[in-house]
Amino acid sequence: MDLTIGYAAMLEQFHPTEVVALSAYAEEHGFSGVMAADHFQPWVPQQGQSAFVWNVLAALGERTKGDIGPGVTAPTFRWHPAMVAQASATLAAMYPGRHWLGLGSGEALNEHIVGQYWPEAPERINRLFEAIEIIKKLFSASLAGKDTKHSGQFYKLESTRLWTMPEVAPEILVATAGPVTAKRAGRHADGLITVGAPLEKISMLFGKFDDGVRESGRDPESLPKVLQIHLSWAPTDEEAMANALTEWPNGGMKFPKADIRSPFELEQIAKLVRPEDFEGRMVISADPDVHRANIQKYVDLGFDRIYLHNVGRNQREWIDVFARDVLPKLSR
């Protein structure tokens, strides 16, 4: 697979109109494809936005030419899996060959809003994989012109099909940061999404994912491995650090955030984040070459698609610098 470097559009930080304009600008400057997260709320109030991802993805389909996908949506609490399947199939029908469906087990920040019980991680993961089963059933039955149904531990689907389908179902990529989920993702999904982490941890995830893929009778080499990298670039190291602390303090929080319900709670925790907390978690530097070397490590590890998120508001300036000094120097 060829290496593509895409733009991570932050609906948590920018008005949707601006997100679309920035994504188009990034593509004009050599980025390929856009990943946009499905959030109901931003991480911290300072980020200031949280637009509806499916509307924005449709607008991105019109304004750009590369791949588009939600990185990631949870098909488990706010959404019944059938609704996610319909949204994804419609986008894929409108923009053939360009849409991938990124799925994860969710965060309370976004999912608690519907007032359901918020279970512990093992149940959230079981819900995710049952949801994937329903989505895959709907995709395959609908392509065959048939109805399907489901009655499982967490979800029911009465007899139906998706009436608007692309010619080929969207690939399903599963977000994972743990070994058990990675192996299950290998068995049931079409690819892996993860975020920047120590290389030995990612190598372990790759190994588990590949094991799962082989168990499903497929070749791991044929499936995409997708990475999102949060970074902070600015003209000076001081500005880059200030942007990280102000705009993306969640990047320096060394604990799982999936159980936190409010941006205002995270804002209080953010007061405890110190510059050294980003060490090993996010590259913060004014030197494009430091960023290039960090990204290249992940390329060498075997990622096919890498989406970059610069945490500052200085998006166009950053895109210009990376288009000139980073993207052309990355190689397989």
C-alpha atoms as a PDB file:
ATOM      1  CA  MET A   1       0.000   0.000   0.000  1.00  0.00           C
ATOM      2  CA  ASP A   2       1.170   3.511  -0.745  1.00  0.00           C
ATOM      3  CA  LEU A   3       1.760   5.858   2.158  1.00  0.00           C
ATOM      4  CA  THR A   4      -0.721   8.719   2.471  1.00  0.00           C
ATOM      5  CA  ILE A   5      -0.508  11.588   4.932  1.00  0.00           C
ATOM      6  CA  GLY A   6      -3.920  13.069   5.675  1.00  0.00           C
ATOM      7  CA  TYR A   7      -5.351  15.999   7.587  1.00  0.00           C
ATOM      8  CA  ALA A   8      -7.073  15.448  10.949  1.00  0.00           C
ATOM      9  CA  ALA A   9      -9.905  17.999  10.922  1.00  0.00           C
ATOM     10  CA  MET A  10     -10.729  19.027  14.464  1.00  0.00           C
ATOM     11  CA  LEU A  11     -14.445  19.614  14.845  1.00  0.00           C
ATOM     12  CA  GLU A  12     -13.724  20.194  18.548  1.00  0.00           C
ATOM     13  CA  GLN A  13     -11.689  23.320  17.724  1.00  0.00           C
ATOM     14  CA  PHE A  14     -13.048  24.898  14.541  1.00  0.00           C
ATOM     15  CA  HIS A  15     -16.414  25.955  13.144  1.00  0.00           C
ATOM     16  CA  PRO A  16     -17.547  23.436  10.510  1.00  0.00           C
ATOM     17  CA  THR A  17     -17.269  25.985   7.682  1.00  0.00           C
ATOM     18  CA  GLU A  18     -13.674  26.611   8.691  1.00  0.00           C
ATOM     19  CA  VAL A  19     -12.981  22.872   8.990  1.00  0.00           C
ATOM     20  CA  VAL A  20     -14.091  22.368   5.383  1.00  0.00           C
ATOM     21  CA  ALA A  21     -11.985  25.307   4.157  1.00  0.00           C
ATOM     22  CA  LEU A  22      -8.908  24.098   6.086  1.00  0.00           C
ATOM     23  CA  SER A  23      -9.324  20.537   4.793  1.00  0.00           C
ATOM     24  CA  ALA A  24      -9.483  21.798   1.204  1.00  0.00           C
ATOM     25  CA  TYR A  25      -6.419  23.991   1.866  1.00  0.00           C
ATOM     26  CA  ALA A  26      -4.531  20.994   3.292  1.00  0.00           C
ATOM     27  CA  GLU A  27      -5.361  18.897   0.216  1.00  0.00           C
ATOM     28  CA  GLU A  28      -4.158  21.683  -2.110  1.00  0.00           C
ATOM     29  CA  HIS A  29      -0.841  21.556  -0.229  1.00  0.00           C
ATOM     30  CA  GLY A  30      -0.199  17.828  -0.478  1.00  0.00           C
ATOM     31  CA  PHE A  31      -2.211  16.249   2.335  1.00  0.00           C
ATOM     32  CA  SER A  32      -4.374  13.360   1.164  1.00  0.00           C
ATOM     33  CA  GLY A  33      -7.655  12.530   2.879  1.00  0.00           C
ATOM     34  CA  VAL A  34      -9.437  13.813   5.980  1.00  0.00           C
ATOM     35  CA  MET A  35     -10.273  12.217   9.312  1.00  0.00           C
ATOM     36  CA  ALA A  36     -12.882  13.979  11.494  1.00  0.00           C
ATOM     37  CA  ALA A  37     -13.959  12.875  14.978  1.00  0.00           C
ATOM     38  CA  ASP A  38     -17.557  12.277  16.050  1.00  0.00           C
ATOM     39  CA  HIS A  39     -17.829  14.323  19.241  1.00  0.00           C
ATOM     40  CA  PHE A  40     -20.892  15.736  20.962  1.00  0.00           C
ATOM     41  CA  GLN A  41     -18.706  17.981  23.140  1.00  0.00           C
ATOM     42  CA  PRO A  42     -15.132  19.244  22.920  1.00  0.00           C
ATOM     43  CA  TRP A  43     -12.551  17.887  25.375  1.00  0.00           C
ATOM     44  CA  VAL A  44     -12.171  21.239  27.119  1.00  0.00           C
ATOM     45  CA  PRO A  45     -14.333  24.393  26.806  1.00  0.00           C
ATOM     46  CA  GLN A  46     -11.399  26.334  25.294  1.00  0.00           C
ATOM     47  CA  GLN A  47     -11.638  24.192  22.146  1.00  0.00           C
ATOM     48  CA  GLY A  48     -15.067  25.703  21.675  1.00  0.00           C
ATOM     49  CA  GLN A  49     -16.847  23.639  19.002  1.00  0.00           C
ATOM     50  CA  SER A  50     -18.398  20.241  18.330  1.00  0.00           C
ATOM     51  CA  ALA A  51     -20.169  19.976  14.986  1.00  0.00           C
ATOM     52  CA  PHE A  52     -22.111  16.962  13.693  1.00  0.00           C
ATOM     53  CA  VAL A  53     -19.552  14.850  11.881  1.00  0.00           C
ATOM     54  CA  TRP A  54     -21.785  13.360   9.157  1.00  0.00           C
ATOM     55  CA  ASN A  55     -22.870  16.782   7.847  1.00  0.00           C
ATOM     56  CA  VAL A  56     -19.252  17.882   7.745  1.00  0.00           C
ATOM     57  CA  LEU A  57     -18.091  14.681   6.001  1.00  0.00           C
ATOM     58  CA  ALA A  58     -20.663  15.265   3.245  1.00  0.00           C
ATOM     59  CA  ALA A  59     -19.393  18.819   2.784  1.00  0.00           C
ATOM     60  CA  LEU A  60     -15.820  17.490   2.716  1.00  0.00           C
ATOM     61  CA  GLY A  61     -16.868  15.037   0.026  1.00  0.00           C
ATOM     62  CA  GLU A  62     -17.897  17.987  -2.142  1.00  0.00           C
ATOM     63  CA  ARG A  63     -14.849  20.155  -1.429  1.00  0.00           C
ATOM     64  CA  THR A  64     -12.026  17.568  -1.471  1.00  0.00           C
ATOM     65  CA  LYS A  65     -10.997  14.549  -3.546  1.00  0.00           C
ATOM     66  CA  GLY A  66      -9.344  12.206  -1.009  1.00  0.00           C
ATOM     67  CA  ASP A  67     -10.598   9.668   1.511  1.00  0.00           C
ATOM     68  CA  ILE A  68     -13.050  10.816   4.189  1.00  0.00           C
ATOM     69  CA  GLY A  69     -14.021   9.080   7.397  1.00  0.00           C
ATOM     70  CA  PRO A  70     -15.097   9.560  10.993  1.00  0.00           C
ATOM     71  CA  GLY A  71     -12.101   8.939  13.205  1.00  0.00           C
ATOM     72  CA  VAL A  72     -14.010   7.578  15.122  1.00  0.00           C
ATOM     73  CA  THR A  73     -17.696   7.163  15.808  1.00  0.00           C
ATOM     74  CA  ALA A  74     -19.184   4.900  18.489  1.00  0.00           C
ATOM     75  CA  PRO A  75     -22.080   2.815  17.095  1.00  0.00           C
ATOM     76  CA  THR A  76     -23.195   1.872  20.582  1.00  0.00           C
ATOM     77  CA  PHE A  77     -24.891   4.488  22.792  1.00  0.00           C
ATOM     78  CA  ARG A  78     -26.005   7.693  21.050  1.00  0.00           C
ATOM     79  CA  TRP A  79     -26.400   5.645  17.876  1.00  0.00           C
ATOM     80  CA  HIS A  80     -28.098   2.387  17.102  1.00  0.00           C
ATOM     81  CA  PRO A  81     -25.688   0.477  14.839  1.00  0.00           C
ATOM     82  CA  ALA A  82     -28.263   0.519  12.015  1.00  0.00           C
ATOM     83  CA  MET A  83     -28.174   4.342  11.941  1.00  0.00           C
ATOM     84  CA  VAL A  84     -24.384   4.343  11.680  1.00  0.00           C
ATOM     85  CA  ALA A  85     -24.629   1.793   8.871  1.00  0.00           C
ATOM     86  CA  GLN A  86     -27.144   3.993   7.021  1.00  0.00           C
ATOM     87  CA  ALA A  87     -25.053   7.153   7.454  1.00  0.00           C
ATOM     88  CA  SER A  88     -21.927   5.355   6.249  1.00  0.00           C
ATOM     89  CA  ALA A  89     -23.607   3.635   3.292  1.00  0.00           C
ATOM     90  CA  THR A  90     -25.107   6.940   2.137  1.00  0.00           C
ATOM     91  CA  LEU A  91     -21.745   8.724   2.294  1.00  0.00           C
ATOM     92  CA  ALA A  92     -20.095   5.855   0.403  1.00  0.00           C
ATOM     93  CA  ALA A  93     -22.853   5.949  -2.231  1.00  0.00           C
ATOM     94  CA  MET A  94     -22.305   9.696  -2.718  1.00  0.00           C
ATOM     95  CA  TYR A  95     -18.489   9.490  -2.809  1.00  0.00           C
ATOM     96  CA  PRO A  96     -17.620   6.033  -4.189  1.00  0.00           C
ATOM     97  CA  GLY A  97     -14.330   4.531  -3.066  1.00  0.00           C
ATOM     98  CA  ARG A  98     -13.544   7.443  -0.756  1.00  0.00           C
ATOM     99  CA  HIS A  99     -15.301   6.734   2.541  1.00  0.00           C
ATOM    100  CA  TRP A 100     -14.074   4.513   5.360  1.00  0.00           C
ATOM    101  CA  LEU A 101     -15.993   3.879   8.579  1.00  0.00           C
ATOM    102  CA  GLY A 102     -13.924   4.343  11.754  1.00  0.00           C
ATOM    103  CA  LEU A 103     -15.535   2.768  14.832  1.00  0.00           C
ATOM    104  CA  GLY A 104     -14.638   2.799  18.524  1.00  0.00           C
ATOM    105  CA  SER A 105     -16.142   1.867  21.881  1.00  0.00           C
ATOM    106  CA  GLY A 106     -16.914   5.463  22.849  1.00  0.00           C
ATOM    107  CA  GLU A 107     -16.281   7.980  25.611  1.00  0.00           C
ATOM    108  CA  ALA A 108     -18.675   9.156  28.278  1.00  0.00           C
ATOM    109  CA  LEU A 109     -17.963  12.744  27.194  1.00  0.00           C
ATOM    110  CA  ASN A 110     -20.096  12.097  24.101  1.00  0.00           C
ATOM    111  CA  GLU A 111     -22.196   9.074  24.963  1.00  0.00           C
ATOM    112  CA  HIS A 112     -23.539   9.908  28.446  1.00  0.00           C
ATOM    113  CA  ILE A 113     -25.851  12.538  26.964  1.00  0.00           C
ATOM    114  CA  VAL A 114     -28.593   9.987  26.221  1.00  0.00           C
ATOM    115  CA  GLY A 115     -28.758   9.132  29.930  1.00  0.00           C
ATOM    116  CA  GLN A 116     -28.018   5.423  29.664  1.00  0.00           C
ATOM    117  CA  TYR A 117     -25.939   3.491  32.153  1.00  0.00           C
ATOM    118  CA  TRP A 118     -22.257   3.929  31.259  1.00  0.00           C
ATOM    119  CA  PRO A 119     -20.691   0.464  31.614  1.00  0.00           C
ATOM    120  CA  GLU A 120     -17.084  -0.503  32.249  1.00  0.00           C
ATOM    121  CA  ALA A 121     -14.672  -1.057  29.355  1.00  0.00           C
ATOM    122  CA  PRO A 122     -15.257  -4.813  28.758  1.00  0.00           C
ATOM    123  CA  GLU A 123     -18.977  -4.256  28.154  1.00  0.00           C
ATOM    124  CA  ARG A 124     -18.300  -1.220  25.955  1.00  0.00           C
ATOM    125  CA  ILE A 125     -16.005  -3.359  23.811  1.00  0.00           C
ATOM    126  CA  ASN A 126     -18.543  -6.212  23.620  1.00  0.00           C
ATOM    127  CA  ARG A 127     -21.169  -3.686  22.520  1.00  0.00           C
ATOM    128  CA  LEU A 128     -18.815  -2.408  19.828  1.00  0.00           C
ATOM    129  CA  PHE A 129     -18.258  -5.837  18.328  1.00  0.00           C
ATOM    130  CA  GLU A 130     -21.961  -6.683  18.369  1.00  0.00           C
ATOM    131  CA  ALA A 131     -22.579  -3.359  16.615  1.00  0.00           C
ATOM    132  CA  ILE A 132     -19.954  -4.252  13.989  1.00  0.00           C
ATOM    133  CA  GLU A 133     -21.747  -7.563  13.416  1.00  0.00           C
ATOM    134  CA  ILE A 134     -25.011  -5.683  12.736  1.00  0.00           C
ATOM    135  CA  ILE A 135     -23.357  -3.147  10.424  1.00  0.00           C
ATOM    136  CA  LYS A 136     -21.638  -5.899   8.421  1.00  0.00           C
ATOM    137  CA  LYS A 137     -24.906  -7.873   8.207  1.00  0.00           C
ATOM    138  CA  LEU A 138     -26.701  -4.787   6.894  1.00  0.00           C
ATOM    139  CA  PHE A 139     -23.973  -4.031   4.347  1.00  0.00           C
ATOM    140  CA  SER A 140     -23.798  -7.571   2.974  1.00  0.00           C
ATOM    141  CA  ALA A 141     -27.554  -8.281   2.966  1.00  0.00           C
ATOM    142  CA  SER A 142     -28.321  -4.931   1.365  1.00  0.00           C
ATOM    143  CA  LEU A 143     -25.738  -5.474  -1.393  1.00  0.00           C
ATOM    144  CA  ALA A 144     -27.413  -8.838  -2.029  1.00  0.00           C
ATOM    145  CA  GLY A 145     -30.841  -7.167  -2.154  1.00  0.00           C
ATOM    146  CA  LYS A 146     -32.079  -8.937   0.970  1.00  0.00           C
ATOM    147  CA  ASP A 147     -33.454  -8.027   4.394  1.00  0.00           C
ATOM    148  CA  THR A 148     -31.612  -8.996   7.554  1.00  0.00           C
ATOM    149  CA  LYS A 149     -32.366  -9.009  11.285  1.00  0.00           C
ATOM    150  CA  HIS A 150     -30.542  -9.370  14.562  1.00  0.00           C
ATOM    151  CA  SER A 151     -31.314 -10.242  18.152  1.00  0.00           C
ATOM    152  CA  GLY A 152     -28.287 -10.100  20.415  1.00  0.00           C
ATOM    153  CA  GLN A 153     -27.176  -9.331  23.936  1.00  0.00           C
ATOM    154  CA  PHE A 154     -27.320  -5.554  23.480  1.00  0.00           C
ATOM    155  CA  TYR A 155     -29.230  -4.786  20.262  1.00  0.00           C
ATOM    156  CA  LYS A 156     -32.245  -5.752  18.251  1.00  0.00           C
ATOM    157  CA  LEU A 157     -32.747  -5.152  14.553  1.00  0.00           C
ATOM    158  CA  GLU A 158     -36.067  -6.093  13.002  1.00  0.00           C
ATOM    159  CA  SER A 159     -36.202  -7.203   9.363  1.00  0.00           C
ATOM    160  CA  THR A 160     -34.845  -4.473   7.110  1.00  0.00           C
ATOM    161  CA  ARG A 161     -32.149  -3.509   4.646  1.00  0.00           C
ATOM    162  CA  LEU A 162     -30.321  -0.348   3.564  1.00  0.00           C
ATOM    163  CA  TRP A 163     -32.036   0.884   0.426  1.00  0.00           C
ATOM    164  CA  THR A 164     -29.250   3.260  -0.588  1.00  0.00           C
ATOM    165  CA  MET A 165     -25.941   1.423  -0.931  1.00  0.00           C
ATOM    166  CA  PRO A 166     -22.625   1.984  -2.680  1.00  0.00           C
ATOM    167  CA  GLU A 167     -21.436  -0.735  -5.088  1.00  0.00           C
ATOM    168  CA  VAL A 168     -18.821  -1.767  -2.520  1.00  0.00           C
ATOM    169  CA  ALA A 169     -19.423  -1.551   1.246  1.00  0.00           C
ATOM    170  CA  PRO A 170     -17.191   0.914   3.131  1.00  0.00           C
ATOM    171  CA  GLU A 171     -14.196  -0.604   4.889  1.00  0.00           C
ATOM    172  CA  ILE A 172     -14.648  -0.788   8.660  1.00  0.00           C
ATOM    173  CA  LEU A 173     -11.636   0.353  10.683  1.00  0.00           C
ATOM    174  CA  VAL A 174     -11.624  -0.259  14.441  1.00  0.00           C
ATOM    175  CA  ALA A 175      -9.894   2.083  16.884  1.00  0.00           C
ATOM    176  CA  THR A 176      -7.905   0.231  19.483  1.00  0.00           C
ATOM    177  CA  ALA A 177      -5.242   0.908  22.070  1.00  0.00           C
ATOM    178  CA  GLY A 178      -5.294  -2.494  23.796  1.00  0.00           C
ATOM    179  CA  PRO A 179      -4.229  -6.041  22.843  1.00  0.00           C
ATOM    180  CA  VAL A 180      -7.582  -7.795  23.299  1.00  0.00           C
ATOM    181  CA  THR A 181      -9.476  -5.299  21.156  1.00  0.00           C
ATOM    182  CA  ALA A 182      -6.698  -5.353  18.560  1.00  0.00           C
ATOM    183  CA  LYS A 183      -7.002  -9.117  18.108  1.00  0.00           C
ATOM    184  CA  ARG A 184     -10.805  -8.979  17.887  1.00  0.00           C
ATOM    185  CA  ALA A 185     -10.501  -6.095  15.419  1.00  0.00           C
ATOM    186  CA  GLY A 186      -8.238  -8.298  13.290  1.00  0.00           C
ATOM    187  CA  ARG A 187     -10.887 -11.011  13.232  1.00  0.00           C
ATOM    188  CA  HIS A 188     -13.858  -8.756  12.450  1.00  0.00           C
ATOM    189  CA  ALA A 189     -12.716  -5.482  10.866  1.00  0.00           C
ATOM    190  CA  ASP A 190     -11.025  -4.336   7.653  1.00  0.00           C
ATOM    191  CA  GLY A 191      -8.273  -2.310   9.310  1.00  0.00           C
ATOM    192  CA  LEU A 192      -6.880  -0.763  12.482  1.00  0.00           C
ATOM    193  CA  ILE A 193      -6.859   2.833  13.759  1.00  0.00           C
ATOM    194  CA  THR A 194      -4.750   3.956  16.683  1.00  0.00           C
ATOM    195  CA  VAL A 195      -3.140   7.121  18.032  1.00  0.00           C
ATOM    196  CA  GLY A 196       0.526   7.982  18.450  1.00  0.00           C
ATOM    197  CA  ALA A 197       2.057   5.918  21.275  1.00  0.00           C
ATOM    198  CA  PRO A 198       5.415   4.333  22.125  1.00  0.00           C
ATOM    199  CA  LEU A 199       6.614   2.180  19.218  1.00  0.00           C
ATOM    200  CA  GLU A 200       6.866  -1.007  21.262  1.00  0.00           C
ATOM    201  CA  LYS A 201       3.204  -0.668  22.278  1.00  0.00           C
ATOM    202  CA  ILE A 202       2.132  -0.186  18.665  1.00  0.00           C
ATOM    203  CA  SER A 203       4.277  -3.140  17.517  1.00  0.00           C
ATOM    204  CA  MET A 204       2.433  -5.258  20.075  1.00  0.00           C
ATOM    205  CA  LEU A 205      -0.959  -4.002  18.782  1.00  0.00           C
ATOM    206  CA  PHE A 206       0.096  -4.787  15.196  1.00  0.00           C
ATOM    207  CA  GLY A 207       1.078  -8.316  16.243  1.00  0.00           C
ATOM    208  CA  LYS A 208      -2.274  -8.962  17.948  1.00  0.00           C
ATOM    209  CA  PHE A 209      -4.219  -7.427  15.040  1.00  0.00           C
ATOM    210  CA  ASP A 210      -2.291  -9.546  12.514  1.00  0.00           C
ATOM    211  CA  ASP A 211      -3.011 -12.682  14.583  1.00  0.00           C
ATOM    212  CA  GLY A 212      -6.728 -11.897  14.446  1.00  0.00           C
ATOM    213  CA  VAL A 213      -6.592 -11.237  10.695  1.00  0.00           C
ATOM    214  CA  ARG A 214      -4.893 -14.601  10.071  1.00  0.00           C
ATOM    215  CA  GLU A 215      -7.534 -16.345  12.220  1.00  0.00           C
ATOM    216  CA  SER A 216     -10.170 -14.870   9.894  1.00  0.00           C
ATOM    217  CA  GLY A 217      -8.354 -16.394   6.907  1.00  0.00           C
ATOM    218  CA  ARG A 218      -7.064 -13.110   5.455  1.00  0.00           C
ATOM    219  CA  ASP A 219      -3.638 -11.623   4.803  1.00  0.00           C
ATOM    220  CA  PRO A 220      -2.617  -8.886   7.307  1.00  0.00           C
ATOM    221  CA  GLU A 221      -0.551  -7.185   4.573  1.00  0.00           C
ATOM    222  CA  SER A 222      -3.752  -6.445   2.652  1.00  0.00           C
ATOM    223  CA  LEU A 223      -5.445  -4.454   5.438  1.00  0.00           C
ATOM    224  CA  PRO A 224      -4.779  -0.786   6.223  1.00  0.00           C
ATOM    225  CA  LYS A 225      -3.168   0.389   9.442  1.00  0.00           C
ATOM    226  CA  VAL A 226      -4.184   3.956  10.203  1.00  0.00           C
ATOM    227  CA  LEU A 227      -2.628   6.378  12.692  1.00  0.00           C
ATOM    228  CA  GLN A 228      -3.636   9.732  14.093  1.00  0.00           C
ATOM    229  CA  ILE A 229      -0.810  11.890  15.437  1.00  0.00           C
ATOM    230  CA  HIS A 230      -1.408  14.911  17.661  1.00  0.00           C
ATOM    231  CA  LEU A 231       1.484  17.365  17.530  1.00  0.00           C
ATOM    232  CA  SER A 232       2.229  20.999  18.256  1.00  0.00           C
ATOM    233  CA  TRP A 233       4.204  23.063  15.763  1.00  0.00           C
ATOM    234  CA  ALA A 234       4.597  26.847  15.951  1.00  0.00           C
ATOM    235  CA  PRO A 235       7.351  29.290  14.906  1.00  0.00           C
ATOM    236  CA  THR A 236       8.922  29.037  18.389  1.00  0.00           C
ATOM    237  CA  ASP A 237       9.116  26.203  20.917  1.00  0.00           C
ATOM    238  CA  GLU A 238       7.468  28.501  23.490  1.00  0.00           C
ATOM    239  CA  GLU A 239       4.437  29.114  21.263  1.00  0.00           C
ATOM    240  CA  ALA A 240       4.216  25.421  20.429  1.00  0.00           C
ATOM    241  CA  MET A 241       4.140  24.566  24.156  1.00  0.00           C
ATOM    242  CA  ALA A 242       1.642  27.349  24.935  1.00  0.00           C
ATOM    243  CA  ASN A 243      -0.660  25.995  22.185  1.00  0.00           C
ATOM    244  CA  ALA A 244      -0.434  22.482  23.616  1.00  0.00           C
ATOM    245  CA  LEU A 245      -1.213  23.606  27.165  1.00  0.00           C
ATOM    246  CA  THR A 246      -4.055  25.910  26.100  1.00  0.00           C
ATOM    247  CA  GLU A 247      -5.715  24.043  23.237  1.00  0.00           C
ATOM    248  CA  TRP A 248      -4.938  20.371  23.848  1.00  0.00           C
ATOM    249  CA  PRO A 249      -4.140  19.781  27.550  1.00  0.00           C
ATOM    250  CA  ASN A 250      -5.915  16.424  27.228  1.00  0.00           C
ATOM    251  CA  GLY A 251      -2.837  15.327  25.247  1.00  0.00           C
ATOM    252  CA  GLY A 252      -0.798  15.589  28.451  1.00  0.00           C
ATOM    253  CA  MET A 253      -3.215  13.631  30.665  1.00  0.00           C
ATOM    254  CA  LYS A 254      -1.653  10.260  31.437  1.00  0.00           C
ATOM    255  CA  PHE A 255      -4.809   8.356  32.291  1.00  0.00           C
ATOM    256  CA  PRO A 256      -7.829   7.000  30.408  1.00  0.00           C
ATOM    257  CA  LYS A 257     -10.412   9.731  29.833  1.00  0.00           C
ATOM    258  CA  ALA A 258     -13.297   7.548  28.690  1.00  0.00           C
ATOM    259  CA  ASP A 259     -15.276   7.902  31.938  1.00  0.00           C
ATOM    260  CA  ILE A 260     -15.222  11.708  32.190  1.00  0.00           C
ATOM    261  CA  ARG A 261     -18.552  13.298  31.336  1.00  0.00           C
ATOM    262  CA  SER A 262     -17.959  17.027  31.068  1.00  0.00           C
ATOM    263  CA  PRO A 263     -15.509  19.373  29.323  1.00  0.00           C
ATOM    264  CA  PHE A 264     -15.656  21.452  32.514  1.00  0.00           C
ATOM    265  CA  GLU A 265     -14.355  18.506  34.567  1.00  0.00           C
ATOM    266  CA  LEU A 266     -11.485  18.100  32.110  1.00  0.00           C
ATOM    267  CA  GLU A 267     -10.841  21.836  32.318  1.00  0.00           C
ATOM    268  CA  GLN A 268     -10.245  21.463  36.072  1.00  0.00           C
ATOM    269  CA  ILE A 269      -7.911  18.491  35.524  1.00  0.00           C
ATOM    270  CA  ALA A 270      -6.116  20.475  32.778  1.00  0.00           C
ATOM    271  CA  LYS A 271      -4.888  22.929  35.413  1.00  0.00           C
ATOM    272  CA  LEU A 272      -2.639  20.143  36.696  1.00  0.00           C
ATOM    273  CA  VAL A 273      -1.019  19.464  33.296  1.00  0.00           C
ATOM    274  CA  ARG A 274       2.629  20.551  33.100  1.00  0.00           C
ATOM    275  CA  PRO A 275       4.931  20.833  30.053  1.00  0.00           C
ATOM    276  CA  GLU A 276       6.798  17.666  31.013  1.00  0.00           C
ATOM    277  CA  ASP A 277       3.524  15.669  30.933  1.00  0.00           C
ATOM    278  CA  PHE A 278       3.585  15.772  27.111  1.00  0.00           C
ATOM    279  CA  GLU A 279       6.951  13.991  27.052  1.00  0.00           C
ATOM    280  CA  GLY A 280       6.670  10.811  24.996  1.00  0.00           C
ATOM    281  CA  ARG A 281       3.001  11.544  24.263  1.00  0.00           C
ATOM    282  CA  MET A 282       3.092  14.461  21.836  1.00  0.00           C
ATOM    283  CA  VAL A 283       5.950  16.122  19.944  1.00  0.00           C
ATOM    284  CA  ILE A 284       6.069  19.848  20.689  1.00  0.00           C
ATOM    285  CA  SER A 285       8.657  21.693  18.621  1.00  0.00           C
ATOM    286  CA  ALA A 286       9.269  24.611  16.256  1.00  0.00           C
ATOM    287  CA  ASP A 287      11.638  22.430  14.212  1.00  0.00           C
ATOM    288  CA  PRO A 288       9.841  20.723  11.301  1.00  0.00           C
ATOM    289  CA  ASP A 289      12.624  18.146  11.142  1.00  0.00           C
ATOM    290  CA  VAL A 290      11.899  16.954  14.686  1.00  0.00           C
ATOM    291  CA  HIS A 291       8.298  16.333  13.593  1.00  0.00           C
ATOM    292  CA  ARG A 292       9.426  14.683  10.356  1.00  0.00           C
ATOM    293  CA  ALA A 293      11.678  12.248  12.261  1.00  0.00           C
ATOM    294  CA  ASN A 294       8.826  11.367  14.633  1.00  0.00           C
ATOM    295  CA  ILE A 295       6.367  10.727  11.781  1.00  0.00           C
ATOM    296  CA  GLN A 296       8.986   8.721   9.854  1.00  0.00           C
ATOM    297  CA  LYS A 297       9.322   6.317  12.819  1.00  0.00           C
ATOM    298  CA  TYR A 298       5.649   5.420  12.432  1.00  0.00           C
ATOM    299  CA  VAL A 299       6.005   5.099   8.651  1.00  0.00           C
ATOM    300  CA  ASP A 300       8.907   2.686   9.205  1.00  0.00           C
ATOM    301  CA  LEU A 301       6.756   0.704  11.639  1.00  0.00           C
ATOM    302  CA  GLY A 302       4.270   0.007   8.839  1.00  0.00           C
ATOM    303  CA  PHE A 303       1.415   2.512   8.915  1.00  0.00           C
ATOM    304  CA  ASP A 304      -0.285   3.087   5.551  1.00  0.00           C
ATOM    305  CA  ARG A 305      -2.271   6.218   6.385  1.00  0.00           C
ATOM    306  CA  ILE A 306      -1.268   8.844   8.914  1.00  0.00           C
ATOM    307  CA  TYR A 307      -3.525  11.780   9.801  1.00  0.00           C
ATOM    308  CA  LEU A 308      -1.840  14.780  11.394  1.00  0.00           C
ATOM    309  CA  HIS A 309      -3.426  17.125  13.913  1.00  0.00           C
ATOM    310  CA  ASN A 310      -1.563  20.297  14.832  1.00  0.00           C
ATOM    311  CA  VAL A 311      -3.162  21.366  18.106  1.00  0.00           C
ATOM    312  CA  GLY A 312      -2.731  25.130  17.641  1.00  0.00           C
ATOM    313  CA  ARG A 313      -5.056  27.562  15.896  1.00  0.00           C
ATOM    314  CA  ASN A 314      -2.230  28.269  13.408  1.00  0.00           C
ATOM    315  CA  GLN A 315      -3.510  25.741  10.875  1.00  0.00           C
ATOM    316  CA  ARG A 316      -2.693  27.433   7.545  1.00  0.00           C
ATOM    317  CA  GLU A 317       0.782  28.459   8.658  1.00  0.00           C
ATOM    318  CA  TRP A 318       1.401  24.879   9.864  1.00  0.00           C
ATOM    319  CA  ILE A 319       0.053  23.340   6.627  1.00  0.00           C
ATOM    320  CA  ASP A 320       2.389  25.602   4.602  1.00  0.00           C
ATOM    321  CA  VAL A 321       5.447  24.615   6.652  1.00  0.00           C
ATOM    322  CA  PHE A 322       4.693  20.878   6.654  1.00  0.00           C
ATOM    323  CA  ALA A 323       3.854  20.907   2.931  1.00  0.00           C
ATOM    324  CA  ARG A 324       7.287  22.384   2.256  1.00  0.00           C
ATOM    325  CA  ASP A 325       9.525  20.792   4.916  1.00  0.00           C
ATOM    326  CA  VAL A 326       7.917  17.554   6.108  1.00  0.00           C
ATOM    327  CA  LEU A 327       5.586  15.780   3.647  1.00  0.00           C
ATOM    328  CA  PRO A 328       8.071  15.631   0.705  1.00  0.00           C
ATOM    329  CA  LYS A 329      10.748  14.072   2.943  1.00  0.00           C
ATOM    330  CA  LEU A 330       8.664  11.186   4.312  1.00  0.00           C
ATOM    331  CA  SER A 331       9.304   7.886   2.569  1.00  0.00           C
ATOM    332  CA  ARG A 332       8.341   4.239   2.743  1.00  0.00           C
END
